[in-house]
C-alpha atoms as a PDB file:
ATOM      1  CA  UNK A   1      -6.279  -1.258   9.172  1.00  0.00           C
ATOM      2  CA  UNK A   2      -4.989  -4.503   7.654  1.00  0.00           C
ATOM      3  CA  UNK A   3      -2.510  -3.946   4.835  1.00  0.00           C
ATOM      4  CA  UNK A   4      -4.328  -6.317   2.452  1.00  0.00           C
ATOM      5  CA  UNK A   5      -7.588  -4.441   2.981  1.00  0.00           C
ATOM      6  CA  UNK A   6      -5.851  -1.095   2.509  1.00  0.00           C
ATOM      7  CA  UNK A   7      -4.229  -2.159  -0.794  1.00  0.00           C
ATOM      8  CA  UNK A   8      -7.589  -3.382  -2.044  1.00  0.00           C
ATOM      9  CA  UNK A   9      -9.457  -0.232  -1.022  1.00  0.00           C
ATOM     10  CA  UNK A  10      -6.950   2.124  -2.660  1.00  0.00           C
ATOM     11  CA  UNK A  11      -7.176   0.072  -5.854  1.00  0.00           C
ATOM     12  CA  UNK A  12      -3.571  -1.146  -6.000  1.00  0.00           C
ATOM     13  CA  UNK A  13      -4.929  -4.715  -5.964  1.00  0.00           C
ATOM     14  CA  UNK A  14      -8.096  -5.884  -7.724  1.00  0.00           C
ATOM     15  CA  UNK A  15      -9.042  -8.164  -4.833  1.00  0.00           C
ATOM     16  CA  UNK A  16      -7.949  -8.872  -1.270  1.00  0.00           C
ATOM     17  CA  UNK A  17      -6.745 -12.290  -2.447  1.00  0.00           C
ATOM     18  CA  UNK A  18      -4.357 -10.617  -4.894  1.00  0.00           C
ATOM     19  CA  UNK A  19      -3.222  -8.189  -2.192  1.00  0.00           C
ATOM     20  CA  UNK A  20      -2.524 -11.139   0.102  1.00  0.00           C
ATOM     21  CA  UNK A  21      -0.527 -12.860  -2.652  1.00  0.00           C
ATOM     22  CA  UNK A  22       1.617  -9.740  -3.123  1.00  0.00           C
ATOM     23  CA  UNK A  23       2.281  -9.608   0.618  1.00  0.00           C
ATOM     24  CA  UNK A  24       3.093 -13.338   0.868  1.00  0.00           C
ATOM     25  CA  UNK A  25       5.945 -12.834  -1.638  1.00  0.00           C
ATOM     26  CA  UNK A  26       7.855 -11.359   1.294  1.00  0.00           C
ATOM     27  CA  UNK A  27       9.042  -8.199  -0.448  1.00  0.00           C
ATOM     28  CA  UNK A  28       6.486  -5.704   0.916  1.00  0.00           C
ATOM     29  CA  UNK A  29       7.648  -3.345   3.673  1.00  0.00           C
ATOM     30  CA  UNK A  30       5.881  -1.035   6.105  1.00  0.00           C
ATOM     31  CA  UNK A  31       8.127   1.709   7.464  1.00  0.00           C
ATOM     32  CA  UNK A  32      11.182  -0.315   6.426  1.00  0.00           C
ATOM     33  CA  UNK A  33      10.108  -3.533   8.182  1.00  0.00           C
ATOM     34  CA  UNK A  34       9.248  -6.625   6.159  1.00  0.00           C
ATOM     35  CA  UNK A  35       5.555  -7.493   6.234  1.00  0.00           C
ATOM     36  CA  UNK A  36       5.116 -10.965   7.682  1.00  0.00           C
ATOM     37  CA  UNK A  37       1.402 -11.482   7.087  1.00  0.00           C
ATOM     38  CA  UNK A  38      -1.560  -9.831   5.321  1.00  0.00           C
ATOM     39  CA  UNK A  39      -3.083  -8.890   8.672  1.00  0.00           C
ATOM     40  CA  UNK A  40      -0.188  -6.575   9.594  1.00  0.00           C
ATOM     41  CA  UNK A  41      -1.561  -3.117  10.310  1.00  0.00           C
ATOM     42  CA  UNK A  42      -0.957   0.234   8.674  1.00  0.00           C
ATOM     43  CA  UNK A  43      -1.771   3.670  10.031  1.00  0.00           C
ATOM     44  CA  UNK A  44      -1.910   7.200   8.685  1.00  0.00           C
ATOM     45  CA  UNK A  45       1.671   8.292   8.027  1.00  0.00           C
ATOM     46  CA  UNK A  46       3.004   4.784   7.345  1.00  0.00           C
ATOM     47  CA  UNK A  47       5.222   4.300   4.300  1.00  0.00           C
ATOM     48  CA  UNK A  48       4.631   1.163   2.244  1.00  0.00           C
ATOM     49  CA  UNK A  49       7.088  -0.188  -0.338  1.00  0.00           C
ATOM     50  CA  UNK A  50       5.883  -2.997  -2.593  1.00  0.00           C
ATOM     51  CA  UNK A  51       6.665  -4.504  -5.981  1.00  0.00           C
ATOM     52  CA  UNK A  52       3.845  -3.866  -8.428  1.00  0.00           C
ATOM     53  CA  UNK A  53       3.717  -4.197 -12.218  1.00  0.00           C
ATOM     54  CA  UNK A  54       7.466  -4.620 -12.635  1.00  0.00           C
ATOM     55  CA  UNK A  55       8.587  -1.735 -10.437  1.00  0.00           C
ATOM     56  CA  UNK A  56       8.781  -0.859  -6.762  1.00  0.00           C
ATOM     57  CA  UNK A  57       6.101   1.563  -5.606  1.00  0.00           C
ATOM     58  CA  UNK A  58       6.592   3.576  -2.446  1.00  0.00           C
ATOM     59  CA  UNK A  59       3.534   5.280  -0.979  1.00  0.00           C
ATOM     60  CA  UNK A  60       2.724   7.275   2.165  1.00  0.00           C
ATOM     61  CA  UNK A  61      -0.702   6.755   3.722  1.00  0.00           C
ATOM     62  CA  UNK A  62      -2.680   9.987   4.049  1.00  0.00           C
ATOM     63  CA  UNK A  63      -6.029   8.492   5.120  1.00  0.00           C
ATOM     64  CA  UNK A  64      -7.627   5.116   5.812  1.00  0.00           C
ATOM     65  CA  UNK A  65     -10.548   4.686   3.395  1.00  0.00           C
ATOM     66  CA  UNK A  66     -13.871   3.359   4.704  1.00  0.00           C
ATOM     67  CA  UNK A  67     -14.719   1.649   1.426  1.00  0.00           C
ATOM     68  CA  UNK A  68     -13.430   0.757  -2.020  1.00  0.00           C
ATOM     69  CA  UNK A  69     -14.791   3.807  -3.781  1.00  0.00           C
ATOM     70  CA  UNK A  70     -14.036   5.531  -7.062  1.00  0.00           C
ATOM     71  CA  UNK A  71     -10.445   5.942  -8.214  1.00  0.00           C
ATOM     72  CA  UNK A  72     -10.352   9.643  -7.308  1.00  0.00           C
ATOM     73  CA  UNK A  73     -11.396   8.840  -3.737  1.00  0.00           C
ATOM     74  CA  UNK A  74      -8.840   6.014  -3.530  1.00  0.00           C
ATOM     75  CA  UNK A  75      -6.047   8.241  -4.895  1.00  0.00           C
ATOM     76  CA  UNK A  76      -6.693  10.795  -2.133  1.00  0.00           C
ATOM     77  CA  UNK A  77      -5.840   8.178   0.530  1.00  0.00           C
ATOM     78  CA  UNK A  78      -2.142   7.972  -0.381  1.00  0.00           C
ATOM     79  CA  UNK A  79       0.738   9.915  -1.899  1.00  0.00           C
ATOM     80  CA  UNK A  80       3.255   8.371  -4.244  1.00  0.00           C
ATOM     81  CA  UNK A  81       6.853   8.873  -3.139  1.00  0.00           C
ATOM     82  CA  UNK A  82       9.272   8.782  -6.041  1.00  0.00           C
ATOM     83  CA  UNK A  83      13.051   8.739  -6.042  1.00  0.00           C
ATOM     84  CA  UNK A  84      13.345  12.361  -7.145  1.00  0.00           C
ATOM     85  CA  UNK A  85      11.291  13.691  -4.227  1.00  0.00           C
ATOM     86  CA  UNK A  86      13.077  11.402  -1.757  1.00  0.00           C
ATOM     87  CA  UNK A  87      16.487  12.680  -2.864  1.00  0.00           C
ATOM     88  CA  UNK A  88      15.658  16.343  -2.135  1.00  0.00           C
END
């Protein structure tokens, strides 16, 4: 799945255009590699790091959603990785 579509469907970006703008900043990473374009693909198990709302969010993909559904459905598609869980 395209990373811009994924970010939109899991409700981290209000629109695909905003997701594409975040990616074009050049600071988003998939599995440690810089994302070059919004069409770069993500798969289940990928780790995405991106700047969002003044902090860096790191998430692991648990599922690829078929649609942009309710927040509870979107939240089930990824797990937040924080610094405390990464250090243990």
